[in-house]
N, C-alpha and C. Protein backbone atom coordinates (compact mmCIF):
# COMPACT_ATOMS: atom_id res chain seq x y z
N UNK A 1 -125.88 -65.03 -34.16
CA UNK A 1 -124.55 -65.28 -34.67
C UNK A 1 -124.30 -66.77 -34.75
N UNK A 2 -123.66 -67.15 -35.79
CA UNK A 2 -123.41 -68.58 -35.94
C UNK A 2 -122.07 -68.94 -35.29
N UNK A 3 -121.90 -70.19 -35.05
CA UNK A 3 -120.67 -70.68 -34.42
C UNK A 3 -119.47 -70.46 -35.32
N UNK A 4 -119.70 -70.49 -36.66
CA UNK A 4 -118.60 -70.28 -37.60
C UNK A 4 -118.03 -68.87 -37.48
N UNK A 5 -118.90 -67.89 -37.32
CA UNK A 5 -118.46 -66.50 -37.20
C UNK A 5 -117.68 -66.31 -35.91
N UNK A 6 -118.18 -66.86 -34.82
CA UNK A 6 -117.49 -66.75 -33.53
C UNK A 6 -116.14 -67.46 -33.58
N UNK A 7 -116.12 -68.63 -34.20
CA UNK A 7 -114.88 -69.39 -34.29
C UNK A 7 -113.85 -68.67 -35.16
N UNK A 8 -114.28 -68.10 -36.27
CA UNK A 8 -113.34 -67.38 -37.13
C UNK A 8 -112.85 -66.10 -36.45
N UNK A 9 -113.72 -65.44 -35.68
CA UNK A 9 -113.30 -64.26 -34.92
C UNK A 9 -112.26 -64.62 -33.88
N UNK A 10 -112.48 -65.73 -33.19
CA UNK A 10 -111.53 -66.20 -32.19
C UNK A 10 -110.21 -66.57 -32.84
N UNK A 11 -110.29 -67.28 -33.96
CA UNK A 11 -109.07 -67.65 -34.68
C UNK A 11 -108.30 -66.41 -35.13
N UNK A 12 -108.99 -65.43 -35.65
CA UNK A 12 -108.35 -64.18 -36.08
C UNK A 12 -107.68 -63.45 -34.92
N UNK A 13 -108.34 -63.40 -33.78
CA UNK A 13 -107.77 -62.74 -32.60
C UNK A 13 -106.52 -63.46 -32.12
N UNK A 14 -106.56 -64.79 -32.09
CA UNK A 14 -105.40 -65.57 -31.67
C UNK A 14 -104.26 -65.39 -32.66
N UNK A 15 -104.57 -65.37 -33.95
CA UNK A 15 -103.56 -65.17 -34.98
C UNK A 15 -102.90 -63.79 -34.85
N UNK A 16 -103.69 -62.77 -34.64
CA UNK A 16 -103.16 -61.41 -34.46
C UNK A 16 -102.27 -61.36 -33.21
N UNK A 17 -102.71 -62.02 -32.14
CA UNK A 17 -101.91 -62.05 -30.92
C UNK A 17 -100.54 -62.66 -31.18
N UNK A 18 -100.53 -63.85 -31.82
CA UNK A 18 -99.25 -64.52 -32.05
C UNK A 18 -98.39 -63.77 -33.06
N UNK A 19 -98.96 -63.17 -34.07
CA UNK A 19 -98.17 -62.38 -35.01
C UNK A 19 -97.58 -61.15 -34.34
N UNK A 20 -98.34 -60.51 -33.47
CA UNK A 20 -97.82 -59.36 -32.72
C UNK A 20 -96.70 -59.79 -31.78
N UNK A 21 -96.89 -60.91 -31.12
CA UNK A 21 -95.86 -61.42 -30.22
C UNK A 21 -94.59 -61.75 -31.00
N UNK A 22 -94.72 -62.40 -32.15
CA UNK A 22 -93.57 -62.76 -32.99
C UNK A 22 -92.86 -61.50 -33.48
N UNK A 23 -93.61 -60.50 -33.91
CA UNK A 23 -93.01 -59.26 -34.40
C UNK A 23 -92.21 -58.57 -33.28
N UNK A 24 -92.76 -58.56 -32.08
CA UNK A 24 -92.07 -57.94 -30.93
C UNK A 24 -90.80 -58.72 -30.59
N UNK A 25 -90.85 -60.05 -30.61
CA UNK A 25 -89.67 -60.86 -30.35
C UNK A 25 -88.61 -60.59 -31.41
N UNK A 26 -89.02 -60.53 -32.67
CA UNK A 26 -88.09 -60.31 -33.76
C UNK A 26 -87.43 -58.94 -33.64
N UNK A 27 -88.20 -57.90 -33.28
CA UNK A 27 -87.65 -56.56 -33.11
C UNK A 27 -86.64 -56.54 -31.96
N UNK A 28 -87.01 -57.16 -30.84
CA UNK A 28 -86.11 -57.22 -29.69
C UNK A 28 -84.85 -58.03 -30.01
N UNK A 29 -85.02 -59.08 -30.79
CA UNK A 29 -83.87 -59.90 -31.20
C UNK A 29 -82.90 -59.08 -32.06
N UNK A 30 -83.45 -58.30 -32.96
CA UNK A 30 -82.58 -57.44 -33.80
C UNK A 30 -81.83 -56.44 -32.94
N UNK A 31 -82.48 -55.88 -31.93
CA UNK A 31 -81.80 -54.94 -31.02
C UNK A 31 -80.70 -55.64 -30.24
N UNK A 32 -80.98 -56.84 -29.74
CA UNK A 32 -79.97 -57.60 -28.99
C UNK A 32 -78.79 -57.94 -29.88
N UNK A 33 -79.08 -58.36 -31.11
CA UNK A 33 -77.98 -58.70 -32.05
C UNK A 33 -77.16 -57.46 -32.39
N UNK A 34 -77.82 -56.34 -32.58
CA UNK A 34 -77.09 -55.11 -32.86
C UNK A 34 -76.20 -54.70 -31.70
N UNK A 35 -76.72 -54.81 -30.49
CA UNK A 35 -75.94 -54.49 -29.30
C UNK A 35 -74.77 -55.46 -29.17
N UNK A 36 -75.01 -56.74 -29.41
CA UNK A 36 -73.94 -57.72 -29.33
C UNK A 36 -72.85 -57.39 -30.34
N UNK A 37 -73.24 -56.97 -31.52
CA UNK A 37 -72.27 -56.61 -32.57
C UNK A 37 -71.42 -55.41 -32.14
N UNK A 38 -72.06 -54.39 -31.57
CA UNK A 38 -71.33 -53.21 -31.12
C UNK A 38 -70.36 -53.55 -29.98
N UNK A 39 -70.83 -54.35 -29.03
CA UNK A 39 -69.97 -54.74 -27.91
C UNK A 39 -68.82 -55.62 -28.40
N UNK A 40 -69.10 -56.50 -29.34
CA UNK A 40 -68.05 -57.34 -29.91
C UNK A 40 -66.99 -56.49 -30.58
N UNK A 41 -67.42 -55.48 -31.30
CA UNK A 41 -66.47 -54.58 -31.96
C UNK A 41 -65.59 -53.86 -30.94
N UNK A 42 -66.21 -53.40 -29.84
CA UNK A 42 -65.44 -52.71 -28.81
C UNK A 42 -64.45 -53.65 -28.13
N UNK A 43 -64.87 -54.87 -27.86
CA UNK A 43 -63.97 -55.83 -27.21
C UNK A 43 -62.84 -56.23 -28.14
N UNK A 44 -63.13 -56.38 -29.43
CA UNK A 44 -62.06 -56.69 -30.40
C UNK A 44 -61.05 -55.55 -30.46
N UNK A 45 -61.54 -54.32 -30.42
CA UNK A 45 -60.65 -53.15 -30.38
C UNK A 45 -59.74 -53.24 -29.16
N UNK A 46 -60.35 -53.48 -27.99
CA UNK A 46 -59.58 -53.55 -26.76
C UNK A 46 -58.61 -54.73 -26.76
N UNK A 47 -59.01 -55.82 -27.38
CA UNK A 47 -58.15 -56.99 -27.47
C UNK A 47 -56.91 -56.68 -28.30
N UNK A 48 -57.09 -55.94 -29.38
CA UNK A 48 -55.96 -55.54 -30.21
C UNK A 48 -55.02 -54.62 -29.45
N UNK A 49 -55.58 -53.66 -28.73
CA UNK A 49 -54.76 -52.75 -27.92
C UNK A 49 -54.00 -53.55 -26.87
N UNK A 50 -54.67 -54.48 -26.20
CA UNK A 50 -54.04 -55.32 -25.18
C UNK A 50 -52.88 -56.11 -25.78
N UNK A 51 -53.12 -56.72 -26.93
CA UNK A 51 -52.09 -57.53 -27.58
C UNK A 51 -50.86 -56.70 -27.92
N UNK A 52 -51.08 -55.52 -28.45
CA UNK A 52 -49.95 -54.65 -28.81
C UNK A 52 -49.17 -54.22 -27.57
N UNK A 53 -49.88 -53.89 -26.50
CA UNK A 53 -49.21 -53.51 -25.26
C UNK A 53 -48.41 -54.69 -24.71
N UNK A 54 -48.99 -55.86 -24.69
CA UNK A 54 -48.29 -57.03 -24.16
C UNK A 54 -47.08 -57.38 -25.02
N UNK A 55 -47.19 -57.21 -26.34
CA UNK A 55 -46.06 -57.48 -27.22
C UNK A 55 -44.89 -56.53 -26.97
N UNK A 56 -45.18 -55.34 -26.45
CA UNK A 56 -44.12 -54.37 -26.17
C UNK A 56 -43.35 -54.72 -24.90
N UNK A 57 -43.88 -55.65 -24.10
CA UNK A 57 -43.19 -56.06 -22.89
C UNK A 57 -43.49 -55.19 -21.68
N UNK A 58 -44.37 -54.22 -21.84
CA UNK A 58 -44.74 -53.33 -20.74
C UNK A 58 -45.98 -53.90 -20.06
N UNK A 59 -46.05 -53.74 -18.76
CA UNK A 59 -47.26 -54.14 -18.03
C UNK A 59 -48.43 -53.33 -18.57
N UNK A 60 -49.54 -53.99 -18.72
CA UNK A 60 -50.73 -53.32 -19.25
C UNK A 60 -51.07 -52.09 -18.43
N UNK A 61 -51.01 -52.22 -17.13
CA UNK A 61 -51.39 -51.10 -16.27
C UNK A 61 -50.45 -49.91 -16.42
N UNK A 62 -49.16 -50.14 -16.57
CA UNK A 62 -48.20 -49.05 -16.65
C UNK A 62 -48.04 -48.49 -18.06
N UNK A 63 -48.67 -49.11 -19.02
CA UNK A 63 -48.56 -48.63 -20.39
C UNK A 63 -49.29 -47.29 -20.57
N UNK A 64 -48.67 -46.35 -21.27
CA UNK A 64 -49.37 -45.09 -21.54
C UNK A 64 -50.54 -45.28 -22.51
N UNK A 65 -50.62 -46.46 -23.11
CA UNK A 65 -51.69 -46.73 -24.08
C UNK A 65 -52.93 -47.36 -23.46
N UNK A 66 -52.91 -47.67 -22.16
CA UNK A 66 -54.08 -48.25 -21.51
C UNK A 66 -55.33 -47.38 -21.69
N UNK A 67 -55.23 -46.05 -21.61
CA UNK A 67 -56.44 -45.23 -21.80
C UNK A 67 -57.06 -45.35 -23.20
N UNK A 68 -56.37 -46.00 -24.13
CA UNK A 68 -56.94 -46.21 -25.45
C UNK A 68 -57.98 -47.34 -25.45
N UNK A 69 -58.06 -48.07 -24.34
CA UNK A 69 -59.08 -49.10 -24.21
C UNK A 69 -60.43 -48.39 -24.09
N UNK A 70 -61.46 -48.95 -24.70
CA UNK A 70 -62.76 -48.29 -24.78
C UNK A 70 -63.81 -49.00 -23.94
N UNK A 71 -64.70 -48.19 -23.35
CA UNK A 71 -65.85 -48.73 -22.62
C UNK A 71 -67.11 -47.94 -22.95
N UNK A 72 -67.06 -47.07 -23.94
CA UNK A 72 -68.20 -46.20 -24.24
C UNK A 72 -69.46 -46.97 -24.63
N UNK A 73 -69.29 -47.98 -25.47
CA UNK A 73 -70.47 -48.75 -25.90
C UNK A 73 -71.12 -49.42 -24.70
N UNK A 74 -70.31 -49.98 -23.84
CA UNK A 74 -70.82 -50.63 -22.63
C UNK A 74 -71.53 -49.63 -21.74
N UNK A 75 -70.92 -48.49 -21.52
CA UNK A 75 -71.51 -47.47 -20.64
C UNK A 75 -72.85 -46.97 -21.19
N UNK A 76 -72.91 -46.76 -22.49
CA UNK A 76 -74.12 -46.20 -23.09
C UNK A 76 -75.23 -47.23 -23.27
N UNK A 77 -74.90 -48.50 -23.17
CA UNK A 77 -75.91 -49.52 -23.48
C UNK A 77 -76.26 -50.40 -22.29
N UNK A 78 -75.90 -50.02 -21.10
CA UNK A 78 -76.16 -50.89 -19.94
C UNK A 78 -77.64 -51.18 -19.74
N UNK A 79 -78.48 -50.20 -19.97
CA UNK A 79 -79.92 -50.44 -19.81
C UNK A 79 -80.41 -51.46 -20.84
N UNK A 80 -79.92 -51.37 -22.05
CA UNK A 80 -80.32 -52.32 -23.09
C UNK A 80 -79.69 -53.68 -22.89
N UNK A 81 -78.52 -53.70 -22.27
CA UNK A 81 -77.79 -54.96 -22.09
C UNK A 81 -78.52 -55.96 -21.21
N UNK A 82 -79.40 -55.49 -20.36
CA UNK A 82 -80.12 -56.43 -19.48
C UNK A 82 -81.01 -57.38 -20.29
N UNK A 83 -81.28 -57.05 -21.53
CA UNK A 83 -82.09 -57.93 -22.39
C UNK A 83 -81.25 -59.06 -22.99
N UNK A 84 -79.94 -58.98 -22.87
CA UNK A 84 -79.08 -60.04 -23.39
C UNK A 84 -79.20 -61.28 -22.51
N UNK A 85 -78.86 -62.44 -23.05
CA UNK A 85 -78.90 -63.66 -22.23
C UNK A 85 -78.04 -63.50 -20.97
N UNK A 86 -78.47 -64.09 -19.88
CA UNK A 86 -77.83 -63.86 -18.59
C UNK A 86 -76.37 -64.31 -18.56
N UNK A 87 -76.02 -65.40 -19.22
CA UNK A 87 -74.62 -65.84 -19.25
C UNK A 87 -73.75 -64.82 -19.98
N UNK A 88 -74.28 -64.26 -21.05
CA UNK A 88 -73.53 -63.25 -21.79
C UNK A 88 -73.36 -61.99 -20.95
N UNK A 89 -74.42 -61.61 -20.27
CA UNK A 89 -74.37 -60.43 -19.42
C UNK A 89 -73.33 -60.61 -18.31
N UNK A 90 -73.26 -61.80 -17.74
CA UNK A 90 -72.27 -62.07 -16.71
C UNK A 90 -70.86 -61.97 -17.28
N UNK A 91 -70.62 -62.54 -18.45
CA UNK A 91 -69.30 -62.47 -19.08
C UNK A 91 -68.93 -61.02 -19.40
N UNK A 92 -69.89 -60.24 -19.85
CA UNK A 92 -69.62 -58.83 -20.13
C UNK A 92 -69.29 -58.06 -18.86
N UNK A 93 -70.02 -58.33 -17.79
CA UNK A 93 -69.73 -57.67 -16.52
C UNK A 93 -68.37 -58.10 -15.99
N UNK A 94 -68.05 -59.38 -16.12
CA UNK A 94 -66.74 -59.88 -15.68
C UNK A 94 -65.60 -59.23 -16.45
N UNK A 95 -65.87 -58.80 -17.67
CA UNK A 95 -64.84 -58.12 -18.49
C UNK A 95 -64.78 -56.62 -18.20
N UNK A 96 -65.93 -55.97 -18.26
CA UNK A 96 -65.92 -54.51 -18.17
C UNK A 96 -65.67 -53.99 -16.75
N UNK A 97 -66.10 -54.70 -15.72
CA UNK A 97 -65.90 -54.22 -14.36
C UNK A 97 -64.41 -54.06 -14.03
N UNK A 98 -63.55 -55.08 -14.25
CA UNK A 98 -62.13 -54.86 -13.95
C UNK A 98 -61.46 -53.86 -14.90
N UNK A 99 -61.94 -53.79 -16.14
CA UNK A 99 -61.39 -52.79 -17.06
C UNK A 99 -61.68 -51.38 -16.55
N UNK A 100 -62.89 -51.15 -16.11
CA UNK A 100 -63.24 -49.83 -15.56
C UNK A 100 -62.43 -49.54 -14.30
N UNK A 101 -62.21 -50.56 -13.48
CA UNK A 101 -61.39 -50.37 -12.28
C UNK A 101 -59.97 -49.97 -12.68
N UNK A 102 -59.40 -50.66 -13.65
CA UNK A 102 -58.05 -50.32 -14.12
C UNK A 102 -57.97 -48.88 -14.61
N UNK A 103 -58.95 -48.50 -15.41
CA UNK A 103 -58.93 -47.13 -15.95
C UNK A 103 -59.11 -46.10 -14.84
N UNK A 104 -59.88 -46.44 -13.81
CA UNK A 104 -60.06 -45.54 -12.68
C UNK A 104 -58.80 -45.46 -11.83
N UNK A 105 -58.17 -46.61 -11.57
CA UNK A 105 -56.97 -46.63 -10.74
C UNK A 105 -55.82 -45.83 -11.36
N UNK A 106 -55.80 -45.75 -12.67
CA UNK A 106 -54.73 -44.96 -13.33
C UNK A 106 -54.83 -43.49 -12.98
N UNK A 107 -55.99 -43.05 -12.57
CA UNK A 107 -56.19 -41.63 -12.25
C UNK A 107 -55.76 -41.28 -10.83
N UNK A 108 -55.49 -42.29 -10.01
CA UNK A 108 -55.10 -42.03 -8.63
C UNK A 108 -53.73 -41.35 -8.59
N UNK A 109 -53.56 -40.36 -7.71
CA UNK A 109 -52.25 -39.73 -7.59
C UNK A 109 -51.25 -40.71 -6.98
N UNK A 110 -50.04 -40.68 -7.44
CA UNK A 110 -48.95 -41.51 -6.92
C UNK A 110 -49.27 -43.01 -6.99
N UNK A 111 -50.02 -43.39 -8.00
CA UNK A 111 -50.47 -44.78 -8.09
C UNK A 111 -49.31 -45.75 -8.32
N UNK A 112 -48.26 -45.33 -9.02
CA UNK A 112 -47.14 -46.24 -9.27
C UNK A 112 -46.44 -46.61 -7.97
N UNK A 113 -46.16 -45.63 -7.14
CA UNK A 113 -45.50 -45.90 -5.86
C UNK A 113 -46.41 -46.70 -4.93
N UNK A 114 -47.69 -46.39 -4.94
CA UNK A 114 -48.64 -47.11 -4.10
C UNK A 114 -48.69 -48.58 -4.49
N UNK A 115 -48.73 -48.84 -5.80
CA UNK A 115 -48.79 -50.22 -6.24
C UNK A 115 -47.51 -50.96 -5.87
N UNK A 116 -46.37 -50.34 -6.07
CA UNK A 116 -45.09 -50.99 -5.73
C UNK A 116 -45.01 -51.28 -4.23
N UNK A 117 -45.49 -50.36 -3.42
CA UNK A 117 -45.49 -50.57 -1.97
C UNK A 117 -46.39 -51.76 -1.61
N UNK A 118 -47.54 -51.85 -2.24
CA UNK A 118 -48.46 -52.95 -1.95
C UNK A 118 -47.86 -54.29 -2.38
N UNK A 119 -47.21 -54.30 -3.53
CA UNK A 119 -46.57 -55.54 -3.99
C UNK A 119 -45.47 -55.94 -3.01
N UNK A 120 -44.70 -54.97 -2.57
CA UNK A 120 -43.64 -55.23 -1.60
C UNK A 120 -44.21 -55.83 -0.32
N UNK A 121 -45.29 -55.24 0.19
CA UNK A 121 -45.93 -55.76 1.41
C UNK A 121 -46.49 -57.17 1.20
N UNK A 122 -47.00 -57.41 0.02
CA UNK A 122 -47.56 -58.74 -0.27
C UNK A 122 -46.45 -59.79 -0.28
N UNK A 123 -45.33 -59.47 -0.90
CA UNK A 123 -44.19 -60.40 -0.94
C UNK A 123 -43.66 -60.65 0.47
N UNK A 124 -43.51 -59.57 1.24
CA UNK A 124 -43.05 -59.73 2.62
C UNK A 124 -44.02 -60.59 3.42
N UNK A 125 -45.30 -60.39 3.20
CA UNK A 125 -46.30 -61.19 3.89
C UNK A 125 -46.21 -62.66 3.52
N UNK A 126 -45.98 -62.94 2.26
CA UNK A 126 -45.85 -64.32 1.82
C UNK A 126 -44.61 -64.98 2.40
N UNK A 127 -43.52 -64.22 2.46
CA UNK A 127 -42.26 -64.76 2.99
C UNK A 127 -42.34 -65.00 4.50
N UNK A 128 -43.05 -64.12 5.20
CA UNK A 128 -43.13 -64.23 6.66
C UNK A 128 -44.35 -65.03 7.13
N UNK A 129 -45.23 -65.38 6.22
CA UNK A 129 -46.42 -66.13 6.58
C UNK A 129 -47.47 -65.28 7.27
N UNK A 130 -47.40 -63.99 7.09
CA UNK A 130 -48.35 -63.06 7.71
C UNK A 130 -49.02 -62.24 6.60
N UNK A 131 -50.07 -61.58 6.99
CA UNK A 131 -50.73 -60.68 6.04
C UNK A 131 -50.59 -59.25 6.55
N UNK A 132 -50.11 -58.39 5.68
CA UNK A 132 -49.91 -56.99 6.05
C UNK A 132 -51.06 -56.13 5.54
N UNK A 133 -51.28 -55.02 6.22
CA UNK A 133 -52.27 -54.05 5.80
C UNK A 133 -51.81 -53.46 4.47
N UNK A 134 -52.77 -53.16 3.61
CA UNK A 134 -52.50 -52.57 2.30
C UNK A 134 -51.57 -53.43 1.44
N UNK A 135 -51.83 -54.74 1.43
CA UNK A 135 -50.99 -55.63 0.64
C UNK A 135 -51.74 -56.20 -0.57
N UNK A 136 -52.96 -55.79 -0.75
CA UNK A 136 -53.73 -56.29 -1.89
C UNK A 136 -53.38 -55.49 -3.13
N UNK A 137 -53.05 -56.19 -4.21
CA UNK A 137 -52.68 -55.56 -5.48
C UNK A 137 -53.92 -55.45 -6.37
N UNK A 138 -54.70 -54.40 -6.18
CA UNK A 138 -55.93 -54.20 -6.96
C UNK A 138 -55.61 -54.06 -8.45
N UNK A 139 -54.48 -53.47 -8.76
CA UNK A 139 -54.09 -53.24 -10.14
C UNK A 139 -53.87 -54.57 -10.85
N UNK A 140 -53.02 -55.41 -10.25
CA UNK A 140 -52.71 -56.71 -10.86
C UNK A 140 -53.92 -57.62 -10.91
N UNK A 141 -54.72 -57.62 -9.84
CA UNK A 141 -55.91 -58.47 -9.80
C UNK A 141 -56.93 -58.05 -10.86
N UNK A 142 -57.11 -56.76 -11.02
CA UNK A 142 -58.07 -56.27 -12.03
C UNK A 142 -57.57 -56.56 -13.43
N UNK A 143 -56.27 -56.37 -13.64
CA UNK A 143 -55.69 -56.66 -14.95
C UNK A 143 -55.86 -58.13 -15.30
N UNK A 144 -55.55 -59.01 -14.37
CA UNK A 144 -55.67 -60.45 -14.61
C UNK A 144 -57.12 -60.85 -14.86
N UNK A 145 -58.03 -60.33 -14.05
CA UNK A 145 -59.46 -60.66 -14.22
C UNK A 145 -59.96 -60.18 -15.58
N UNK A 146 -59.56 -58.99 -15.99
CA UNK A 146 -60.00 -58.44 -17.28
C UNK A 146 -59.47 -59.28 -18.43
N UNK A 147 -58.18 -59.66 -18.36
CA UNK A 147 -57.59 -60.45 -19.43
C UNK A 147 -58.23 -61.84 -19.52
N UNK A 148 -58.55 -62.44 -18.38
CA UNK A 148 -59.18 -63.75 -18.39
C UNK A 148 -60.60 -63.68 -18.95
N UNK A 149 -61.32 -62.61 -18.65
CA UNK A 149 -62.71 -62.48 -19.09
C UNK A 149 -62.83 -62.00 -20.53
N UNK A 150 -61.78 -61.38 -21.05
CA UNK A 150 -61.84 -60.80 -22.39
C UNK A 150 -62.17 -61.85 -23.45
N UNK A 151 -61.48 -62.97 -23.42
CA UNK A 151 -61.71 -64.00 -24.43
C UNK A 151 -63.08 -64.65 -24.26
N UNK A 152 -63.50 -64.86 -23.00
CA UNK A 152 -64.83 -65.44 -22.77
C UNK A 152 -65.93 -64.54 -23.31
N UNK A 153 -65.82 -63.25 -23.03
CA UNK A 153 -66.85 -62.31 -23.51
C UNK A 153 -66.87 -62.26 -25.03
N UNK A 154 -65.69 -62.20 -25.62
CA UNK A 154 -65.61 -62.14 -27.09
C UNK A 154 -66.18 -63.41 -27.71
N UNK A 155 -65.86 -64.56 -27.13
CA UNK A 155 -66.38 -65.84 -27.64
C UNK A 155 -67.90 -65.91 -27.52
N UNK A 156 -68.43 -65.51 -26.37
CA UNK A 156 -69.88 -65.57 -26.14
C UNK A 156 -70.60 -64.65 -27.12
N UNK A 157 -70.08 -63.43 -27.33
CA UNK A 157 -70.70 -62.49 -28.28
C UNK A 157 -70.64 -63.02 -29.70
N UNK A 158 -69.51 -63.61 -30.07
CA UNK A 158 -69.36 -64.17 -31.42
C UNK A 158 -70.35 -65.30 -31.64
N UNK A 159 -70.48 -66.19 -30.66
CA UNK A 159 -71.45 -67.29 -30.78
C UNK A 159 -72.87 -66.76 -30.93
N UNK A 160 -73.20 -65.74 -30.16
CA UNK A 160 -74.54 -65.17 -30.23
C UNK A 160 -74.76 -64.53 -31.60
N UNK A 161 -73.79 -63.78 -32.07
CA UNK A 161 -73.90 -63.10 -33.35
C UNK A 161 -74.07 -64.09 -34.49
N UNK A 162 -73.36 -65.21 -34.42
CA UNK A 162 -73.39 -66.19 -35.50
C UNK A 162 -74.53 -67.20 -35.38
N UNK A 163 -75.25 -67.19 -34.28
CA UNK A 163 -76.33 -68.16 -34.09
C UNK A 163 -77.54 -67.81 -34.96
N UNK A 164 -78.33 -68.82 -35.28
CA UNK A 164 -79.54 -68.59 -36.07
C UNK A 164 -80.65 -68.08 -35.16
N UNK A 165 -81.71 -67.53 -35.73
CA UNK A 165 -82.82 -67.03 -34.93
C UNK A 165 -83.43 -68.18 -34.13
N UNK A 166 -83.41 -69.36 -34.72
CA UNK A 166 -83.99 -70.51 -34.07
C UNK A 166 -83.21 -70.84 -32.78
N UNK A 167 -81.87 -70.79 -32.87
CA UNK A 167 -81.04 -71.06 -31.69
C UNK A 167 -81.24 -69.98 -30.63
N UNK A 168 -81.36 -68.73 -31.05
CA UNK A 168 -81.55 -67.65 -30.08
C UNK A 168 -82.92 -67.75 -29.42
N UNK A 169 -83.91 -68.16 -30.18
CA UNK A 169 -85.27 -68.25 -29.64
C UNK A 169 -85.34 -69.34 -28.57
N UNK A 170 -84.77 -70.49 -28.88
CA UNK A 170 -84.86 -71.59 -27.93
C UNK A 170 -83.70 -71.60 -26.93
N UNK A 171 -82.65 -70.85 -27.22
CA UNK A 171 -81.49 -70.84 -26.33
C UNK A 171 -81.60 -69.86 -25.20
N UNK A 172 -82.56 -68.98 -25.22
CA UNK A 172 -82.65 -67.94 -24.20
C UNK A 172 -83.35 -68.41 -22.97
């Protein structure tokens, strides 16, 4: 065998390797972009619902429309979401975790009275300089955390969706 044949065989193998690697990256990138698009759509939906509820002057938690907030895309895509960039994944978790808590807390029996009692204890604790048992307002804290994370998650997803393949390749 001549050196030319061996060299061309080696070149062909390296070329096939890199083309296969590029094809796999491109396929995975399309999946990540598709997932980002679906999550962005769900967050935009929830943002609109949030805005309408806030415009009505009702607390988000006490609104009968809170269950209209969606988390299905997030729930169904958690395994795929780990392939998203880590900063985006953190922003998504920071958004969906308190939203899921809010939706779960609404199912608790007598939740309105429980929340009012906790707020009352918290105010009394602040006035007296003491901390009372059961004074943490999980409802308000989750609502605030979700609202603060909503814009960050939406912005991060929008930036990812609008970025070029070159930016996504080197930005990850």
